[in-house]
Amino acid sequence: MMNTSKLTENDLKELDEFLAQKEGGKIQNTEALDGFFAALACCPDLVMPSEYMPIIQGGATEDGDLVFEGMDEVQRFNELVSRHWNHVNAQLDNEEAYLPLVQENEKGEYLGNDWANGFISGTHVRFDIWDDLIHDEEHGGSIIAIMALAYENHDDIEMRPFKEPIDDKKRDELMIGSAAGVMRMHAHFRKQRKQFLPKSATFIRSGKKVGRNELCPCGSGKKHKKCCGNGPTLH
Protein backbone atom coordinates (compact mmCIF):
# COMPACT_ATOMS: atom_id res chain seq x y z
CA MET A 1 0.00 0.00 0.00
CA MET A 2 1.28 3.49 -0.87
CA ASN A 3 2.47 5.47 2.18
CA THR A 4 0.75 8.86 2.15
CA SER A 5 1.44 9.72 5.78
CA LYS A 6 2.76 13.16 6.66
CA LEU A 7 6.48 13.35 7.44
CA THR A 8 7.24 13.79 11.13
CA GLU A 9 9.28 16.71 12.45
CA ASN A 10 12.30 14.38 12.69
CA ASP A 11 11.74 13.18 9.12
CA LEU A 12 11.62 16.78 7.87
CA LYS A 13 14.75 17.65 9.81
CA GLU A 14 16.56 14.67 8.31
CA LEU A 15 15.43 15.58 4.81
CA ASP A 16 16.51 19.19 5.35
CA GLU A 17 19.95 17.93 6.38
CA PHE A 18 20.23 15.99 3.13
CA LEU A 19 19.22 19.03 1.04
CA ALA A 20 21.58 21.31 2.99
CA GLN A 21 24.53 19.24 1.72
CA LYS A 22 24.01 20.70 -1.74
CA GLU A 23 25.56 23.98 -2.83
CA GLY A 24 22.62 26.07 -3.99
CA GLY A 25 20.18 24.66 -6.50
CA LYS A 26 16.44 25.17 -6.96
CA ILE A 27 15.29 22.96 -4.07
CA GLN A 28 17.26 24.10 -1.05
CA ASN A 29 15.03 22.78 1.75
CA THR A 30 11.82 20.91 2.52
CA GLU A 31 9.76 24.09 2.21
CA ALA A 32 10.89 24.55 -1.39
CA LEU A 33 10.38 20.81 -2.01
CA ASP A 34 6.76 21.08 -0.86
CA GLY A 35 6.08 23.96 -3.26
CA PHE A 36 7.86 22.10 -6.07
CA PHE A 37 5.73 19.00 -5.51
CA ALA A 38 2.53 21.06 -5.27
CA ALA A 39 3.16 22.37 -8.80
CA LEU A 40 3.98 18.90 -10.16
CA ALA A 41 0.88 17.44 -8.49
CA CYS A 42 -1.32 20.08 -10.15
CA CYS A 43 0.17 19.60 -13.61
CA PRO A 44 -2.01 17.43 -15.89
CA ASP A 45 1.06 15.90 -17.57
CA LEU A 46 2.64 13.32 -15.24
CA VAL A 47 6.25 14.07 -14.27
CA MET A 48 8.16 10.90 -13.40
CA PRO A 49 10.79 10.59 -10.62
CA SER A 50 13.48 10.11 -13.26
CA GLU A 51 12.78 13.70 -14.31
CA TYR A 52 12.21 15.45 -10.99
CA MET A 53 14.81 13.70 -8.79
CA PRO A 54 17.81 15.26 -10.62
CA ILE A 55 16.27 18.69 -10.00
CA ILE A 56 15.83 17.96 -6.29
CA GLN A 57 19.38 16.62 -5.94
CA GLY A 58 20.96 19.25 -8.18
CA GLY A 59 23.07 22.10 -6.86
CA ALA A 60 23.86 25.41 -8.49
CA THR A 61 26.73 23.66 -10.31
CA GLU A 62 27.55 20.03 -11.06
CA ASP A 63 30.12 20.00 -8.26
CA GLY A 64 27.45 21.21 -5.83
CA ASP A 65 25.06 18.29 -6.39
CA LEU A 66 23.93 16.11 -3.49
CA VAL A 67 26.37 13.24 -2.97
CA PHE A 68 25.55 10.22 -0.80
CA GLU A 69 27.91 8.25 1.43
CA GLY A 70 26.38 4.89 0.55
CA MET A 71 23.29 2.97 -0.53
CA ASP A 72 21.66 3.31 2.89
CA GLU A 73 21.64 7.10 2.51
CA VAL A 74 20.30 6.83 -1.05
CA GLN A 75 17.45 4.60 0.06
CA ARG A 76 16.58 6.76 3.04
CA PHE A 77 16.60 9.96 0.97
CA ASN A 78 14.42 8.37 -1.71
CA GLU A 79 12.02 7.06 0.93
CA LEU A 80 11.56 10.50 2.52
CA VAL A 81 11.13 12.25 -0.82
CA SER A 82 8.69 9.60 -2.06
CA ARG A 83 6.58 9.79 1.11
CA HIS A 84 6.29 13.54 0.87
CA TRP A 85 5.40 13.34 -2.82
CA ASN A 86 2.62 10.88 -1.97
CA HIS A 87 1.39 13.08 0.89
CA VAL A 88 1.12 16.20 -1.29
CA ASN A 89 -0.74 14.27 -3.98
CA ALA A 90 -3.08 12.69 -1.44
CA GLN A 91 -4.07 16.10 -0.06
CA LEU A 92 -4.99 17.36 -3.51
CA ASP A 93 -6.54 14.18 -4.92
CA ASN A 94 -8.76 13.81 -1.87
CA GLU A 95 -9.75 17.48 -2.24
CA GLU A 96 -8.70 18.19 1.31
CA ALA A 97 -7.52 21.66 2.30
CA TYR A 98 -3.96 21.86 1.00
CA LEU A 99 -1.61 23.33 3.61
CA PRO A 100 1.74 24.62 2.29
CA LEU A 101 4.71 23.44 4.32
CA VAL A 102 6.27 26.72 5.49
CA GLN A 103 9.20 26.40 7.88
CA GLU A 104 10.30 28.82 10.57
CA ASN A 105 13.51 30.70 9.74
CA GLU A 106 16.33 31.66 12.11
CA LYS A 107 14.43 34.80 13.14
CA GLY A 108 11.29 32.84 14.01
CA GLU A 109 9.47 34.09 10.90
CA TYR A 110 7.26 32.14 8.48
CA LEU A 111 7.81 33.92 5.17
CA GLY A 112 6.78 31.41 2.52
CA ASN A 113 9.26 32.66 -0.09
CA ASP A 114 11.09 29.34 -0.41
CA TRP A 115 7.80 27.50 -0.85
CA ALA A 116 6.66 29.90 -3.57
CA ASN A 117 9.99 29.71 -5.39
CA GLY A 118 9.83 25.92 -5.20
CA PHE A 119 6.37 26.08 -6.80
CA ILE A 120 7.64 28.31 -9.61
CA SER A 121 10.51 25.85 -10.19
CA GLY A 122 7.90 23.12 -10.54
CA THR A 123 6.02 25.08 -13.21
CA HIS A 124 9.22 25.31 -15.27
CA VAL A 125 9.25 21.51 -15.69
CA ARG A 126 6.20 21.86 -17.99
CA PHE A 127 6.43 25.55 -18.76
CA ASP A 128 4.19 25.55 -21.87
CA ILE A 129 1.25 24.17 -19.87
CA TRP A 130 1.70 26.69 -17.07
CA ASP A 131 2.26 29.57 -19.47
CA ASP A 132 -1.17 28.89 -20.95
CA LEU A 133 -2.71 29.02 -17.48
CA ILE A 134 -0.92 32.25 -16.54
CA HIS A 135 -2.39 33.94 -19.61
CA ASP A 136 -5.85 32.45 -19.10
CA GLU A 137 -8.21 35.29 -18.10
CA GLU A 138 -10.47 32.97 -16.11
CA HIS A 139 -7.90 30.82 -14.28
CA GLY A 140 -4.66 32.82 -14.35
CA GLY A 141 -5.49 34.64 -11.13
CA SER A 142 -4.99 31.43 -9.14
CA ILE A 143 -1.22 31.76 -9.33
CA ILE A 144 -0.88 35.51 -8.61
CA ALA A 145 -0.38 35.18 -4.83
CA ILE A 146 2.29 32.52 -5.38
CA MET A 147 4.16 34.71 -7.87
CA ALA A 148 3.95 37.66 -5.46
CA LEU A 149 5.72 35.64 -2.74
CA ALA A 150 8.22 34.15 -5.18
CA TYR A 151 9.33 37.52 -6.53
CA GLU A 152 9.06 39.48 -3.29
CA ASN A 153 12.86 39.71 -2.92
CA HIS A 154 13.87 39.27 -6.56
CA ASP A 155 17.37 40.49 -7.49
CA ASP A 156 15.79 42.66 -10.18
CA ILE A 157 13.89 45.37 -8.30
CA GLU A 158 11.58 45.80 -11.30
CA MET A 159 10.38 42.21 -10.81
CA ARG A 160 9.32 42.79 -7.20
CA PRO A 161 5.53 43.11 -6.74
CA PHE A 162 5.79 45.43 -3.73
CA LYS A 163 7.82 48.63 -3.33
CA GLU A 164 7.73 48.40 0.47
CA PRO A 165 8.15 45.38 2.80
CA ILE A 166 4.83 43.63 3.39
CA ASP A 167 3.37 43.28 6.88
CA ASP A 168 2.24 40.07 8.62
CA LYS A 169 -1.38 40.58 7.64
CA LYS A 170 -0.55 40.88 3.95
CA ARG A 171 1.76 37.86 4.13
CA ASP A 172 -0.99 35.78 5.73
CA GLU A 173 -3.36 36.85 2.96
CA LEU A 174 -0.83 35.79 0.33
CA MET A 175 -0.28 32.40 1.98
CA ILE A 176 -4.02 31.76 2.23
CA GLY A 177 -4.41 32.88 -1.39
CA SER A 178 -1.56 30.59 -2.45
CA ALA A 179 -3.08 27.54 -0.75
CA ALA A 180 -6.51 28.24 -2.23
CA GLY A 181 -4.90 28.87 -5.63
CA VAL A 182 -3.23 25.46 -5.58
CA MET A 183 -6.59 23.80 -4.96
CA ARG A 184 -8.22 25.75 -7.81
CA MET A 185 -5.40 25.00 -10.25
CA HIS A 186 -5.45 21.32 -9.36
CA ALA A 187 -9.20 21.17 -10.03
CA HIS A 188 -8.76 23.08 -13.31
CA PHE A 189 -5.94 20.87 -14.57
CA ARG A 190 -7.64 17.65 -13.47
CA LYS A 191 -10.14 18.13 -16.33
CA GLN A 192 -7.23 18.15 -18.81
CA ARG A 193 -5.47 14.97 -17.66
CA LYS A 194 -7.08 12.67 -20.24
CA GLN A 195 -5.49 14.53 -23.12
CA PHE A 196 -2.02 13.85 -21.67
CA LEU A 197 -2.53 10.10 -21.15
CA PRO A 198 -0.60 7.86 -23.59
CA LYS A 199 -2.87 6.69 -26.36
CA SER A 200 -3.60 2.94 -26.11
CA ALA A 201 -3.22 0.78 -29.19
CA THR A 202 -6.53 -0.11 -30.88
CA PHE A 203 -6.95 -2.94 -33.38
CA ILE A 204 -8.58 -1.79 -36.60
CA ARG A 205 -9.81 -4.41 -39.10
CA SER A 206 -8.21 -3.64 -42.48
CA GLY A 207 -10.73 -5.59 -44.57
CA LYS A 208 -14.37 -6.62 -44.62
CA LYS A 209 -15.52 -9.19 -42.04
CA VAL A 210 -15.85 -12.73 -43.53
CA GLY A 211 -19.17 -14.49 -42.91
CA ARG A 212 -19.13 -17.99 -41.46
CA ASN A 213 -20.76 -19.49 -44.56
CA GLU A 214 -18.61 -17.63 -47.09
CA LEU A 215 -15.57 -19.17 -48.74
CA CYS A 216 -12.48 -18.85 -46.58
CA PRO A 217 -10.18 -16.05 -47.82
CA CYS A 218 -7.18 -18.36 -47.44
CA GLY A 219 -8.10 -20.01 -50.78
CA SER A 220 -8.73 -23.53 -49.47
CA GLY A 221 -12.15 -23.70 -51.16
CA LYS A 222 -13.85 -24.53 -47.85
CA LYS A 223 -16.40 -22.44 -45.98
CA HIS A 224 -14.84 -20.08 -43.46
CA LYS A 225 -16.57 -21.87 -40.52
CA LYS A 226 -14.99 -25.16 -41.60
CA CYS A 227 -11.54 -23.64 -42.15
CA CYS A 228 -9.78 -20.62 -40.55
CA GLY A 229 -12.95 -19.72 -38.67
CA ASN A 230 -12.81 -23.01 -36.80
CA GLY A 231 -9.80 -22.42 -34.57
CA PRO A 232 -6.12 -22.87 -35.47
CA THR A 233 -5.71 -24.26 -38.99
CA LEU A 234 -2.55 -25.16 -40.88
CA HIS A 235 -2.46 -25.00 -44.70
C-alpha atoms as a PDB file:
ATOM      1  CA  MET A   1       0.000   0.000   0.000  1.00  0.00           C
ATOM      2  CA  MET A   2       1.285   3.490  -0.874  1.00  0.00           C
ATOM      3  CA  ASN A   3       2.465   5.466   2.178  1.00  0.00           C
ATOM      4  CA  THR A   4       0.748   8.860   2.149  1.00  0.00           C
ATOM      5  CA  SER A   5       1.442   9.716   5.785  1.00  0.00           C
ATOM      6  CA  LYS A   6       2.762  13.158   6.657  1.00  0.00           C
ATOM      7  CA  LEU A   7       6.477  13.349   7.441  1.00  0.00           C
ATOM      8  CA  THR A   8       7.237  13.792  11.128  1.00  0.00           C
ATOM      9  CA  GLU A   9       9.278  16.710  12.452  1.00  0.00           C
ATOM     10  CA  ASN A  10      12.296  14.375  12.694  1.00  0.00           C
ATOM     11  CA  ASP A  11      11.740  13.183   9.119  1.00  0.00           C
ATOM     12  CA  LEU A  12      11.616  16.779   7.866  1.00  0.00           C
ATOM     13  CA  LYS A  13      14.752  17.654   9.812  1.00  0.00           C
ATOM     14  CA  GLU A  14      16.560  14.669   8.308  1.00  0.00           C
ATOM     15  CA  LEU A  15      15.425  15.584   4.806  1.00  0.00           C
ATOM     16  CA  ASP A  16      16.512  19.194   5.349  1.00  0.00           C
ATOM     17  CA  GLU A  17      19.946  17.935   6.384  1.00  0.00           C
ATOM     18  CA  PHE A  18      20.228  15.995   3.129  1.00  0.00           C
ATOM     19  CA  LEU A  19      19.222  19.026   1.043  1.00  0.00           C
ATOM     20  CA  ALA A  20      21.583  21.305   2.989  1.00  0.00           C
ATOM     21  CA  GLN A  21      24.532  19.242   1.720  1.00  0.00           C
ATOM     22  CA  LYS A  22      24.014  20.701  -1.744  1.00  0.00           C
ATOM     23  CA  GLU A  23      25.560  23.976  -2.826  1.00  0.00           C
ATOM     24  CA  GLY A  24      22.616  26.072  -3.989  1.00  0.00           C
ATOM     25  CA  GLY A  25      20.183  24.663  -6.501  1.00  0.00           C
ATOM     26  CA  LYS A  26      16.444  25.169  -6.962  1.00  0.00           C
ATOM     27  CA  ILE A  27      15.285  22.965  -4.075  1.00  0.00           C
ATOM     28  CA  GLN A  28      17.263  24.097  -1.051  1.00  0.00           C
ATOM     29  CA  ASN A  29      15.026  22.780   1.746  1.00  0.00           C
ATOM     30  CA  THR A  30      11.816  20.906   2.522  1.00  0.00           C
ATOM     31  CA  GLU A  31       9.758  24.088   2.210  1.00  0.00           C
ATOM     32  CA  ALA A  32      10.894  24.547  -1.393  1.00  0.00           C
ATOM     33  CA  LEU A  33      10.382  20.811  -2.007  1.00  0.00           C
ATOM     34  CA  ASP A  34       6.762  21.080  -0.862  1.00  0.00           C
ATOM     35  CA  GLY A  35       6.082  23.958  -3.258  1.00  0.00           C
ATOM     36  CA  PHE A  36       7.857  22.098  -6.069  1.00  0.00           C
ATOM     37  CA  PHE A  37       5.730  18.996  -5.508  1.00  0.00           C
ATOM     38  CA  ALA A  38       2.535  21.062  -5.275  1.00  0.00           C
ATOM     39  CA  ALA A  39       3.160  22.368  -8.805  1.00  0.00           C
ATOM     40  CA  LEU A  40       3.979  18.900 -10.158  1.00  0.00           C
ATOM     41  CA  ALA A  41       0.876  17.439  -8.492  1.00  0.00           C
ATOM     42  CA  CYS A  42      -1.318  20.083 -10.147  1.00  0.00           C
ATOM     43  CA  CYS A  43       0.167  19.601 -13.608  1.00  0.00           C
ATOM     44  CA  PRO A  44      -2.013  17.430 -15.885  1.00  0.00           C
ATOM     45  CA  ASP A  45       1.055  15.904 -17.570  1.00  0.00           C
ATOM     46  CA  LEU A  46       2.636  13.324 -15.240  1.00  0.00           C
ATOM     47  CA  VAL A  47       6.246  14.072 -14.270  1.00  0.00           C
ATOM     48  CA  MET A  48       8.159  10.902 -13.403  1.00  0.00           C
ATOM     49  CA  PRO A  49      10.787  10.592 -10.616  1.00  0.00           C
ATOM     50  CA  SER A  50      13.483  10.112 -13.261  1.00  0.00           C
ATOM     51  CA  GLU A  51      12.783  13.703 -14.311  1.00  0.00           C
ATOM     52  CA  TYR A  52      12.214  15.455 -10.989  1.00  0.00           C
ATOM     53  CA  MET A  53      14.807  13.702  -8.789  1.00  0.00           C
ATOM     54  CA  PRO A  54      17.806  15.257 -10.618  1.00  0.00           C
ATOM     55  CA  ILE A  55      16.268  18.694 -10.000  1.00  0.00           C
ATOM     56  CA  ILE A  56      15.831  17.958  -6.290  1.00  0.00           C
ATOM     57  CA  GLN A  57      19.384  16.622  -5.940  1.00  0.00           C
ATOM     58  CA  GLY A  58      20.965  19.248  -8.183  1.00  0.00           C
ATOM     59  CA  GLY A  59      23.068  22.097  -6.864  1.00  0.00           C
ATOM     60  CA  ALA A  60      23.864  25.412  -8.488  1.00  0.00           C
ATOM     61  CA  THR A  61      26.727  23.662 -10.306  1.00  0.00           C
ATOM     62  CA  GLU A  62      27.546  20.026 -11.055  1.00  0.00           C
ATOM     63  CA  ASP A  63      30.119  19.999  -8.264  1.00  0.00           C
ATOM     64  CA  GLY A  64      27.450  21.213  -5.834  1.00  0.00           C
ATOM     65  CA  ASP A  65      25.061  18.291  -6.390  1.00  0.00           C
ATOM     66  CA  LEU A  66      23.929  16.110  -3.492  1.00  0.00           C
ATOM     67  CA  VAL A  67      26.374  13.237  -2.968  1.00  0.00           C
ATOM     68  CA  PHE A  68      25.550  10.221  -0.803  1.00  0.00           C
ATOM     69  CA  GLU A  69      27.906   8.252   1.432  1.00  0.00           C
ATOM     70  CA  GLY A  70      26.385   4.892   0.550  1.00  0.00           C
ATOM     71  CA  MET A  71      23.289   2.972  -0.534  1.00  0.00           C
ATOM     72  CA  ASP A  72      21.658   3.308   2.886  1.00  0.00           C
ATOM     73  CA  GLU A  73      21.637   7.096   2.508  1.00  0.00           C
ATOM     74  CA  VAL A  74      20.305   6.826  -1.050  1.00  0.00           C
ATOM     75  CA  GLN A  75      17.446   4.596   0.062  1.00  0.00           C
ATOM     76  CA  ARG A  76      16.584   6.762   3.043  1.00  0.00           C
ATOM     77  CA  PHE A  77      16.596   9.955   0.971  1.00  0.00           C
ATOM     78  CA  ASN A  78      14.419   8.367  -1.715  1.00  0.00           C
ATOM     79  CA  GLU A  79      12.022   7.057   0.931  1.00  0.00           C
ATOM     80  CA  LEU A  80      11.558  10.502   2.524  1.00  0.00           C
ATOM     81  CA  VAL A  81      11.128  12.250  -0.816  1.00  0.00           C
ATOM     82  CA  SER A  82       8.688   9.601  -2.058  1.00  0.00           C
ATOM     83  CA  ARG A  83       6.583   9.786   1.107  1.00  0.00           C
ATOM     84  CA  HIS A  84       6.293  13.545   0.869  1.00  0.00           C
ATOM     85  CA  TRP A  85       5.395  13.341  -2.821  1.00  0.00           C
ATOM     86  CA  ASN A  86       2.619  10.882  -1.965  1.00  0.00           C
ATOM     87  CA  HIS A  87       1.393  13.082   0.892  1.00  0.00           C
ATOM     88  CA  VAL A  88       1.125  16.201  -1.294  1.00  0.00           C
ATOM     89  CA  ASN A  89      -0.744  14.268  -3.982  1.00  0.00           C
ATOM     90  CA  ALA A  90      -3.078  12.693  -1.436  1.00  0.00           C
ATOM     91  CA  GLN A  91      -4.068  16.102  -0.055  1.00  0.00           C
ATOM     92  CA  LEU A  92      -4.991  17.358  -3.513  1.00  0.00           C
ATOM     93  CA  ASP A  93      -6.537  14.182  -4.923  1.00  0.00           C
ATOM     94  CA  ASN A  94      -8.760  13.808  -1.870  1.00  0.00           C
ATOM     95  CA  GLU A  95      -9.751  17.477  -2.237  1.00  0.00           C
ATOM     96  CA  GLU A  96      -8.704  18.191   1.314  1.00  0.00           C
ATOM     97  CA  ALA A  97      -7.519  21.655   2.304  1.00  0.00           C
ATOM     98  CA  TYR A  98      -3.964  21.862   1.004  1.00  0.00           C
ATOM     99  CA  LEU A  99      -1.606  23.329   3.611  1.00  0.00           C
ATOM    100  CA  PRO A 100       1.739  24.616   2.291  1.00  0.00           C
ATOM    101  CA  LEU A 101       4.713  23.442   4.324  1.00  0.00           C
ATOM    102  CA  VAL A 102       6.270  26.716   5.488  1.00  0.00           C
ATOM    103  CA  GLN A 103       9.204  26.401   7.878  1.00  0.00           C
ATOM    104  CA  GLU A 104      10.298  28.822  10.570  1.00  0.00           C
ATOM    105  CA  ASN A 105      13.512  30.696   9.738  1.00  0.00           C
ATOM    106  CA  GLU A 106      16.330  31.663  12.111  1.00  0.00           C
ATOM    107  CA  LYS A 107      14.433  34.800  13.139  1.00  0.00           C
ATOM    108  CA  GLY A 108      11.295  32.840  14.011  1.00  0.00           C
ATOM    109  CA  GLU A 109       9.473  34.091  10.898  1.00  0.00           C
ATOM    110  CA  TYR A 110       7.261  32.144   8.475  1.00  0.00           C
ATOM    111  CA  LEU A 111       7.812  33.923   5.171  1.00  0.00           C
ATOM    112  CA  GLY A 112       6.784  31.411   2.518  1.00  0.00           C
ATOM    113  CA  ASN A 113       9.255  32.664  -0.090  1.00  0.00           C
ATOM    114  CA  ASP A 114      11.090  29.339  -0.414  1.00  0.00           C
ATOM    115  CA  TRP A 115       7.799  27.496  -0.852  1.00  0.00           C
ATOM    116  CA  ALA A 116       6.661  29.902  -3.572  1.00  0.00           C
ATOM    117  CA  ASN A 117       9.994  29.712  -5.387  1.00  0.00           C
ATOM    118  CA  GLY A 118       9.828  25.920  -5.205  1.00  0.00           C
ATOM    119  CA  PHE A 119       6.373  26.077  -6.798  1.00  0.00           C
ATOM    120  CA  ILE A 120       7.640  28.310  -9.610  1.00  0.00           C
ATOM    121  CA  SER A 121      10.510  25.853 -10.188  1.00  0.00           C
ATOM    122  CA  GLY A 122       7.898  23.118 -10.537  1.00  0.00           C
ATOM    123  CA  THR A 123       6.022  25.082 -13.209  1.00  0.00           C
ATOM    124  CA  HIS A 124       9.216  25.311 -15.273  1.00  0.00           C
ATOM    125  CA  VAL A 125       9.247  21.514 -15.691  1.00  0.00           C
ATOM    126  CA  ARG A 126       6.196  21.855 -17.991  1.00  0.00           C
ATOM    127  CA  PHE A 127       6.427  25.554 -18.762  1.00  0.00           C
ATOM    128  CA  ASP A 128       4.187  25.546 -21.870  1.00  0.00           C
ATOM    129  CA  ILE A 129       1.254  24.172 -19.872  1.00  0.00           C
ATOM    130  CA  TRP A 130       1.699  26.693 -17.071  1.00  0.00           C
ATOM    131  CA  ASP A 131       2.259  29.569 -19.473  1.00  0.00           C
ATOM    132  CA  ASP A 132      -1.170  28.886 -20.949  1.00  0.00           C
ATOM    133  CA  LEU A 133      -2.712  29.021 -17.478  1.00  0.00           C
ATOM    134  CA  ILE A 134      -0.922  32.250 -16.536  1.00  0.00           C
ATOM    135  CA  HIS A 135      -2.393  33.940 -19.606  1.00  0.00           C
ATOM    136  CA  ASP A 136      -5.855  32.454 -19.098  1.00  0.00           C
ATOM    137  CA  GLU A 137      -8.208  35.290 -18.100  1.00  0.00           C
ATOM    138  CA  GLU A 138     -10.469  32.972 -16.114  1.00  0.00           C
ATOM    139  CA  HIS A 139      -7.904  30.822 -14.277  1.00  0.00           C
ATOM    140  CA  GLY A 140      -4.661  32.816 -14.348  1.00  0.00           C
ATOM    141  CA  GLY A 141      -5.493  34.639 -11.126  1.00  0.00           C
ATOM    142  CA  SER A 142      -4.994  31.431  -9.140  1.00  0.00           C
ATOM    143  CA  ILE A 143      -1.216  31.760  -9.335  1.00  0.00           C
ATOM    144  CA  ILE A 144      -0.878  35.510  -8.612  1.00  0.00           C
ATOM    145  CA  ALA A 145      -0.377  35.179  -4.833  1.00  0.00           C
ATOM    146  CA  ILE A 146       2.294  32.523  -5.378  1.00  0.00           C
ATOM    147  CA  MET A 147       4.156  34.709  -7.865  1.00  0.00           C
ATOM    148  CA  ALA A 148       3.955  37.659  -5.457  1.00  0.00           C
ATOM    149  CA  LEU A 149       5.720  35.642  -2.736  1.00  0.00           C
ATOM    150  CA  ALA A 150       8.219  34.149  -5.177  1.00  0.00           C
ATOM    151  CA  TYR A 151       9.333  37.525  -6.534  1.00  0.00           C
ATOM    152  CA  GLU A 152       9.062  39.480  -3.287  1.00  0.00           C
ATOM    153  CA  ASN A 153      12.861  39.711  -2.923  1.00  0.00           C
ATOM    154  CA  HIS A 154      13.870  39.268  -6.560  1.00  0.00           C
ATOM    155  CA  ASP A 155      17.370  40.491  -7.492  1.00  0.00           C
ATOM    156  CA  ASP A 156      15.792  42.656 -10.183  1.00  0.00           C
ATOM    157  CA  ILE A 157      13.890  45.366  -8.303  1.00  0.00           C
ATOM    158  CA  GLU A 158      11.576  45.803 -11.296  1.00  0.00           C
ATOM    159  CA  MET A 159      10.376  42.214 -10.808  1.00  0.00           C
ATOM    160  CA  ARG A 160       9.320  42.792  -7.203  1.00  0.00           C
ATOM    161  CA  PRO A 161       5.535  43.113  -6.744  1.00  0.00           C
ATOM    162  CA  PHE A 162       5.788  45.433  -3.731  1.00  0.00           C
ATOM    163  CA  LYS A 163       7.819  48.625  -3.328  1.00  0.00           C
ATOM    164  CA  GLU A 164       7.726  48.397   0.471  1.00  0.00           C
ATOM    165  CA  PRO A 165       8.150  45.379   2.802  1.00  0.00           C
ATOM    166  CA  ILE A 166       4.832  43.628   3.386  1.00  0.00           C
ATOM    167  CA  ASP A 167       3.367  43.276   6.881  1.00  0.00           C
ATOM    168  CA  ASP A 168       2.244  40.072   8.616  1.00  0.00           C
ATOM    169  CA  LYS A 169      -1.380  40.581   7.641  1.00  0.00           C
ATOM    170  CA  LYS A 170      -0.546  40.879   3.953  1.00  0.00           C
ATOM    171  CA  ARG A 171       1.759  37.856   4.131  1.00  0.00           C
ATOM    172  CA  ASP A 172      -0.995  35.780   5.731  1.00  0.00           C
ATOM    173  CA  GLU A 173      -3.365  36.846   2.958  1.00  0.00           C
ATOM    174  CA  LEU A 174      -0.829  35.794   0.332  1.00  0.00           C
ATOM    175  CA  MET A 175      -0.277  32.402   1.981  1.00  0.00           C
ATOM    176  CA  ILE A 176      -4.018  31.761   2.227  1.00  0.00           C
ATOM    177  CA  GLY A 177      -4.408  32.877  -1.393  1.00  0.00           C
ATOM    178  CA  SER A 178      -1.558  30.593  -2.447  1.00  0.00           C
ATOM    179  CA  ALA A 179      -3.080  27.542  -0.745  1.00  0.00           C
ATOM    180  CA  ALA A 180      -6.506  28.244  -2.235  1.00  0.00           C
ATOM    181  CA  GLY A 181      -4.904  28.868  -5.628  1.00  0.00           C
ATOM    182  CA  VAL A 182      -3.229  25.458  -5.579  1.00  0.00           C
ATOM    183  CA  MET A 183      -6.589  23.795  -4.965  1.00  0.00           C
ATOM    184  CA  ARG A 184      -8.218  25.747  -7.815  1.00  0.00           C
ATOM    185  CA  MET A 185      -5.396  25.005 -10.251  1.00  0.00           C
ATOM    186  CA  HIS A 186      -5.449  21.317  -9.364  1.00  0.00           C
ATOM    187  CA  ALA A 187      -9.200  21.174 -10.031  1.00  0.00           C
ATOM    188  CA  HIS A 188      -8.761  23.081 -13.314  1.00  0.00           C
ATOM    189  CA  PHE A 189      -5.940  20.868 -14.571  1.00  0.00           C
ATOM    190  CA  ARG A 190      -7.639  17.649 -13.472  1.00  0.00           C
ATOM    191  CA  LYS A 191     -10.140  18.126 -16.331  1.00  0.00           C
ATOM    192  CA  GLN A 192      -7.228  18.146 -18.811  1.00  0.00           C
ATOM    193  CA  ARG A 193      -5.474  14.970 -17.662  1.00  0.00           C
ATOM    194  CA  LYS A 194      -7.082  12.671 -20.242  1.00  0.00           C
ATOM    195  CA  GLN A 195      -5.488  14.525 -23.123  1.00  0.00           C
ATOM    196  CA  PHE A 196      -2.016  13.851 -21.668  1.00  0.00           C
ATOM    197  CA  LEU A 197      -2.528  10.102 -21.153  1.00  0.00           C
ATOM    198  CA  PRO A 198      -0.598   7.865 -23.589  1.00  0.00           C
ATOM    199  CA  LYS A 199      -2.866   6.688 -26.359  1.00  0.00           C
ATOM    200  CA  SER A 200      -3.600   2.936 -26.112  1.00  0.00           C
ATOM    201  CA  ALA A 201      -3.215   0.781 -29.191  1.00  0.00           C
ATOM    202  CA  THR A 202      -6.534  -0.112 -30.875  1.00  0.00           C
ATOM    203  CA  PHE A 203      -6.953  -2.945 -33.375  1.00  0.00           C
ATOM    204  CA  ILE A 204      -8.578  -1.788 -36.599  1.00  0.00           C
ATOM    205  CA  ARG A 205      -9.809  -4.406 -39.102  1.00  0.00           C
ATOM    206  CA  SER A 206      -8.214  -3.638 -42.476  1.00  0.00           C
ATOM    207  CA  GLY A 207     -10.727  -5.593 -44.572  1.00  0.00           C
ATOM    208  CA  LYS A 208     -14.366  -6.618 -44.619  1.00  0.00           C
ATOM    209  CA  LYS A 209     -15.515  -9.186 -42.043  1.00  0.00           C
ATOM    210  CA  VAL A 210     -15.846 -12.730 -43.533  1.00  0.00           C
ATOM    211  CA  GLY A 211     -19.172 -14.488 -42.913  1.00  0.00           C
ATOM    212  CA  ARG A 212     -19.135 -17.993 -41.458  1.00  0.00           C
ATOM    213  CA  ASN A 213     -20.765 -19.486 -44.563  1.00  0.00           C
ATOM    214  CA  GLU A 214     -18.611 -17.626 -47.085  1.00  0.00           C
ATOM    215  CA  LEU A 215     -15.568 -19.170 -48.742  1.00  0.00           C
ATOM    216  CA  CYS A 216     -12.480 -18.854 -46.576  1.00  0.00           C
ATOM    217  CA  PRO A 217     -10.185 -16.053 -47.824  1.00  0.00           C
ATOM    218  CA  CYS A 218      -7.176 -18.358 -47.442  1.00  0.00           C
ATOM    219  CA  GLY A 219      -8.101 -20.008 -50.783  1.00  0.00           C
ATOM    220  CA  SER A 220      -8.725 -23.531 -49.468  1.00  0.00           C
ATOM    221  CA  GLY A 221     -12.152 -23.701 -51.156  1.00  0.00           C
ATOM    222  CA  LYS A 222     -13.848 -24.535 -47.850  1.00  0.00           C
ATOM    223  CA  LYS A 223     -16.401 -22.443 -45.980  1.00  0.00           C
ATOM    224  CA  HIS A 224     -14.838 -20.078 -43.462  1.00  0.00           C
ATOM    225  CA  LYS A 225     -16.574 -21.869 -40.523  1.00  0.00           C
ATOM    226  CA  LYS A 226     -14.986 -25.158 -41.603  1.00  0.00           C
ATOM    227  CA  CYS A 227     -11.542 -23.645 -42.154  1.00  0.00           C
ATOM    228  CA  CYS A 228      -9.784 -20.618 -40.554  1.00  0.00           C
ATOM    229  CA  GLY A 229     -12.952 -19.722 -38.675  1.00  0.00           C
ATOM    230  CA  ASN A 230     -12.808 -23.013 -36.796  1.00  0.00           C
ATOM    231  CA  GLY A 231      -9.801 -22.417 -34.573  1.00  0.00           C
ATOM    232  CA  PRO A 232      -6.122 -22.875 -35.472  1.00  0.00           C
ATOM    233  CA  THR A 233      -5.706 -24.258 -38.990  1.00  0.00           C
ATOM    234  CA  LEU A 234      -2.548 -25.159 -40.882  1.00  0.00           C
ATOM    235  CA  HIS A 235      -2.463 -25.005 -44.696  1.00  0.00           C
END
